[in-house]
Amino acid sequence: MSTLVTLMNKLNRRRFSNNTQRVLHTLIIAKGEWVPRSTFRVASAGSRLRDLRKDSFGGFDIQCRSAASLGLTGGRHTFYYRLPLKDLSVNKLQSIFEGVV
């Protein structure tokens, strides 16, 4: 896990070249907690989350729940996402953040 922490500390957010990197970074800094969709602040956040689930983008186990199912305020159209930290590996992160580290 210390290598993951080292890698995360080396990331230069100013060099992010796409929204997929921005979405993944937001999920990682949430440390496994649920994140509302509005937090991502990128165009097509839902599409970027879907991309991250694909094998070609690392095959991350991104979970999705409605606010109601989590017992939070918001309608059934308010969604929260999280990335369990056990799903992270240096290889997966390096493939997404290539050129940023």
Protein backbone atom coordinates (compact mmCIF):
# COMPACT_ATOMS: atom_id res chain seq x y z
CA MET A 1 0.00 0.00 0.00
CA SER A 2 2.91 2.37 0.62
CA THR A 3 3.78 2.24 -3.09
CA LEU A 4 0.22 3.34 -3.88
CA VAL A 5 0.55 6.25 -1.45
CA THR A 6 3.87 7.21 -3.04
CA LEU A 7 2.32 7.08 -6.51
CA MET A 8 -0.68 9.17 -5.42
CA ASN A 9 1.60 11.78 -3.87
CA LYS A 10 3.53 12.09 -7.14
CA LEU A 11 0.43 12.88 -9.20
CA ASN A 12 0.41 16.37 -10.63
CA ARG A 13 -3.26 17.26 -11.08
CA ARG A 14 -2.37 20.14 -13.37
CA ARG A 15 -1.05 17.62 -15.88
CA PHE A 16 -4.25 15.55 -16.02
CA SER A 17 -5.06 15.22 -19.71
CA ASN A 18 -8.57 13.82 -19.58
CA ASN A 19 -11.73 13.59 -17.51
CA THR A 20 -11.22 9.89 -16.78
CA GLN A 21 -8.11 10.80 -14.77
CA ARG A 22 -10.02 13.53 -12.92
CA VAL A 23 -12.90 11.18 -12.02
CA LEU A 24 -10.55 8.43 -10.81
CA HIS A 25 -8.55 10.90 -8.73
CA THR A 26 -11.76 12.13 -7.07
CA LEU A 27 -12.74 8.56 -6.18
CA ILE A 28 -9.30 7.76 -4.79
CA ILE A 29 -9.06 10.80 -2.55
CA ALA A 30 -12.50 9.90 -1.14
CA LYS A 31 -10.76 6.87 0.45
CA GLY A 32 -13.57 4.40 -0.16
CA GLU A 33 -16.38 6.72 0.96
CA TRP A 34 -19.47 7.42 -1.12
CA VAL A 35 -19.11 10.42 -3.46
CA PRO A 36 -22.11 12.28 -4.95
CA ARG A 37 -22.10 12.52 -8.72
CA SER A 38 -22.05 16.33 -8.52
CA THR A 39 -18.58 16.19 -6.92
CA PHE A 40 -16.90 15.08 -10.15
CA ARG A 41 -17.35 18.43 -11.95
CA VAL A 42 -16.48 17.05 -15.37
CA ALA A 43 -18.52 16.64 -18.51
CA SER A 44 -20.06 13.18 -18.90
CA ALA A 45 -19.05 11.95 -15.44
CA GLY A 46 -21.32 8.92 -15.83
CA SER A 47 -19.57 7.93 -19.04
CA ARG A 48 -16.14 8.30 -17.43
CA LEU A 49 -17.26 6.12 -14.50
CA ARG A 50 -18.49 3.53 -16.99
CA ASP A 51 -15.16 3.70 -18.82
CA LEU A 52 -13.25 3.00 -15.62
CA ARG A 53 -15.20 -0.26 -15.23
CA LYS A 54 -13.98 -1.49 -18.64
CA ASP A 55 -10.91 -3.73 -18.83
CA SER A 56 -9.20 -1.32 -21.21
CA PHE A 57 -9.34 1.38 -18.50
CA GLY A 58 -8.30 -0.83 -15.60
CA GLY A 59 -11.50 -2.74 -14.85
CA PHE A 60 -12.13 -0.90 -11.58
CA ASP A 61 -14.95 -2.07 -9.28
CA ILE A 62 -16.83 1.22 -9.10
CA GLN A 63 -19.99 0.85 -7.06
CA CYS A 64 -23.13 2.93 -7.56
CA ARG A 65 -26.07 3.48 -5.21
CA SER A 66 -28.98 5.88 -5.09
CA ALA A 67 -29.18 8.39 -2.26
CA ALA A 68 -32.35 6.69 -1.04
CA SER A 69 -30.69 3.26 -0.78
CA LEU A 70 -27.89 4.82 1.31
CA GLY A 71 -30.38 6.57 3.58
CA LEU A 72 -29.25 9.99 2.40
CA THR A 73 -31.29 12.97 1.32
CA GLY A 74 -31.91 13.37 -2.36
CA GLY A 75 -34.27 11.82 -4.78
CA ARG A 76 -34.02 8.49 -6.46
CA HIS A 77 -32.15 10.26 -9.27
CA THR A 78 -29.28 11.34 -7.00
CA PHE A 79 -26.46 8.81 -7.27
CA TYR A 80 -23.36 8.18 -5.20
CA TYR A 81 -20.25 6.28 -6.28
CA ARG A 82 -17.29 4.73 -4.53
CA LEU A 83 -14.16 2.80 -5.34
CA PRO A 84 -13.14 0.24 -2.70
CA LEU A 85 -9.45 0.79 -1.96
CA LYS A 86 -8.79 -2.96 -2.10
CA ASP A 87 -9.37 -2.66 -5.84
CA LEU A 88 -6.36 -0.40 -6.39
CA SER A 89 -3.00 -1.55 -7.70
CA VAL A 90 0.06 0.33 -8.88
CA ASN A 91 -0.25 -1.19 -12.37
CA LYS A 92 -3.88 -0.10 -12.76
CA LEU A 93 -3.10 3.43 -11.62
CA GLN A 94 -0.03 3.78 -13.80
CA SER A 95 -2.03 2.77 -16.87
CA ILE A 96 -4.59 5.54 -16.24
CA PHE A 97 -2.17 8.21 -15.03
CA GLU A 98 0.52 7.61 -17.66
CA GLY A 99 2.43 10.81 -18.29
CA VAL A 100 1.11 12.48 -15.14
CA VAL A 101 3.47 10.92 -12.59
